[in-house]
Amino acid sequence: QEQLEESGGDSVQAGGSLRLSCAASGLPFSGGCLGWFRQAPGKEREGVAVVYTGGAGSTYTSTYIRDSVKGRFTISRDNTKNTLYLQMNSLNPEDTAMYYCAAGPSYYGLNPSRYNYWGQGTQVTVSS
């Protein structure tokens, strides 16, 4: 059964750091995209960062991070462990949201509507 399980969310003070992890298993495709999305109360879900890797035999990798978190967030993927990470530094209250991990068989950028596999989310709360 396909499954995406996020972990690492917590409550931190502004300026702090967190590292989110997403363990993927049972996906019916190799490679493809894994991404981080977030949704704050009263706001629409938005893409944070995604990484795409080719399937077996491919070395192609592409990464995209939304402008508002560039320089603060870093996305990485351990293909051997099939685990996605999001290192978040210099957190501010505007980063407070439920963070979701999502997957798809191709590259869909930061548009959440394009992804068809989702985790349950992990809460990130940043206080002043």
Protein backbone atom coordinates (compact mmCIF):
# COMPACT_ATOMS: atom_id res chain seq x y z
CA GLN A 1 0.00 0.00 0.00
CA GLU A 2 1.32 3.44 -0.90
CA GLN A 3 2.17 5.57 2.09
CA LEU A 4 3.76 8.92 2.87
CA GLU A 5 4.56 9.60 6.50
CA GLU A 6 5.80 12.99 7.69
CA SER A 7 7.63 13.69 10.91
CA GLY A 8 9.66 16.44 12.54
CA GLY A 9 7.05 19.13 13.03
CA ASP A 10 7.23 21.02 16.29
CA SER A 11 6.74 24.36 18.01
CA VAL A 12 9.77 26.65 17.86
CA GLN A 13 10.62 30.29 18.37
CA ALA A 14 11.32 32.66 15.50
CA GLY A 15 14.82 32.20 14.16
CA GLY A 16 14.89 28.53 15.05
CA SER A 17 15.31 25.51 12.81
CA LEU A 18 13.46 22.30 12.09
CA ARG A 19 14.07 19.34 9.84
CA LEU A 20 11.06 17.57 8.39
CA SER A 21 11.22 14.03 7.07
CA CYS A 22 8.91 12.14 4.76
CA ALA A 23 9.22 8.38 4.43
CA ALA A 24 7.71 7.08 1.21
CA SER A 25 6.78 3.47 0.64
CA GLY A 26 4.66 1.42 -1.69
CA LEU A 27 4.54 4.02 -4.46
CA PRO A 28 3.64 2.44 -7.82
CA PHE A 29 6.49 4.17 -9.63
CA SER A 30 10.22 4.69 -9.38
CA GLY A 31 11.72 8.14 -9.31
CA GLY A 32 9.14 10.80 -9.91
CA CYS A 33 8.56 13.77 -7.67
CA LEU A 34 8.36 14.30 -3.95
CA GLY A 35 7.44 17.67 -2.56
CA TRP A 36 6.56 19.71 0.49
CA PHE A 37 3.39 21.75 0.71
CA ARG A 38 1.87 23.77 3.49
CA GLN A 39 -1.45 25.21 4.49
CA ALA A 40 -2.04 27.85 7.14
CA PRO A 41 -5.46 28.55 8.68
CA GLY A 42 -7.59 30.59 6.30
CA LYS A 43 -5.15 30.21 3.42
CA GLU A 44 -4.91 27.96 0.40
CA ARG A 45 -2.44 25.12 0.26
CA GLU A 46 0.79 26.16 -1.42
CA GLY A 47 3.88 24.43 -2.69
CA VAL A 48 7.05 24.95 -0.68
CA ALA A 49 9.70 22.86 -2.40
CA VAL A 50 9.80 19.85 -4.71
CA VAL A 51 12.48 17.54 -6.02
CA TYR A 52 12.24 15.34 -9.08
CA THR A 53 14.43 12.40 -9.92
CA GLY A 54 14.36 10.09 -12.91
CA GLY A 55 13.48 6.44 -12.61
CA ALA A 56 15.85 3.50 -12.60
CA GLY A 57 18.88 4.14 -14.77
CA SER A 58 18.43 7.91 -14.76
CA THR A 59 20.61 10.48 -13.00
CA TYR A 60 18.44 13.48 -13.77
CA THR A 61 17.41 15.62 -10.83
CA SER A 62 15.60 18.93 -10.65
CA THR A 63 14.65 21.02 -7.64
CA TYR A 64 12.39 24.01 -7.21
CA ILE A 65 11.81 26.13 -4.11
CA ARG A 66 9.29 28.93 -3.82
CA ASP A 67 10.75 32.42 -3.61
CA SER A 68 9.53 33.18 -0.10
CA VAL A 69 11.66 30.42 1.45
CA LYS A 70 14.74 30.53 -0.78
CA GLY A 71 17.89 30.93 1.27
CA ARG A 72 16.16 29.55 4.36
CA PHE A 73 14.77 26.15 3.33
CA THR A 74 16.61 23.30 1.67
CA ILE A 75 14.98 20.23 0.17
CA SER A 76 16.85 16.97 -0.28
CA ARG A 77 16.04 13.39 -1.13
CA ASP A 78 17.73 10.18 -0.11
CA ASN A 79 16.91 7.90 -3.02
CA THR A 80 18.30 4.83 -1.28
CA LYS A 81 16.04 5.27 1.73
CA ASN A 82 13.28 6.85 -0.36
CA THR A 83 13.04 9.63 2.18
CA LEU A 84 12.44 13.32 1.59
CA TYR A 85 13.77 16.05 3.87
CA LEU A 86 13.08 19.72 4.37
CA GLN A 87 15.65 21.64 6.37
CA MET A 88 14.08 24.86 7.59
CA ASN A 89 16.26 27.60 9.03
CA SER A 90 15.51 31.14 10.16
CA LEU A 91 11.89 30.28 10.73
CA ASN A 92 9.40 33.09 11.19
CA PRO A 93 5.73 33.14 12.27
CA GLU A 94 4.62 33.29 8.62
CA ASP A 95 5.99 29.75 8.22
CA THR A 96 3.42 28.42 10.67
CA ALA A 97 1.32 25.83 8.85
CA MET A 98 0.51 22.19 8.45
CA TYR A 99 3.23 20.76 6.23
CA TYR A 100 2.37 17.94 3.86
CA CYS A 101 4.47 15.58 1.83
CA ALA A 102 3.16 14.68 -1.63
CA ALA A 103 4.26 12.48 -4.50
CA GLY A 104 3.56 11.92 -8.18
CA PRO A 105 5.01 9.96 -11.10
CA SER A 106 6.30 13.01 -12.98
CA TYR A 107 7.20 16.66 -12.43
CA TYR A 108 4.37 19.01 -11.50
CA GLY A 109 6.16 21.95 -9.94
CA LEU A 110 4.62 23.66 -6.93
CA ASN A 111 1.00 23.21 -7.93
CA PRO A 112 -0.60 21.05 -5.20
CA SER A 113 -3.52 20.05 -7.43
CA ARG A 114 -1.19 18.02 -9.64
CA TYR A 115 -0.07 15.61 -6.91
CA ASN A 116 -2.05 12.46 -6.22
CA TYR A 117 -0.38 10.92 -3.16
CA TRP A 118 -0.42 12.76 0.15
CA GLY A 119 0.67 12.25 3.72
CA GLN A 120 -1.34 13.27 6.77
CA GLY A 121 0.82 16.29 7.54
CA THR A 122 2.98 17.51 10.39
CA GLN A 123 2.35 20.75 12.23
CA VAL A 124 4.96 23.49 12.33
CA THR A 125 4.31 26.37 14.70
CA VAL A 126 6.66 29.34 14.95
CA SER A 127 6.16 31.85 17.74
CA SER A 128 7.52 35.37 18.09
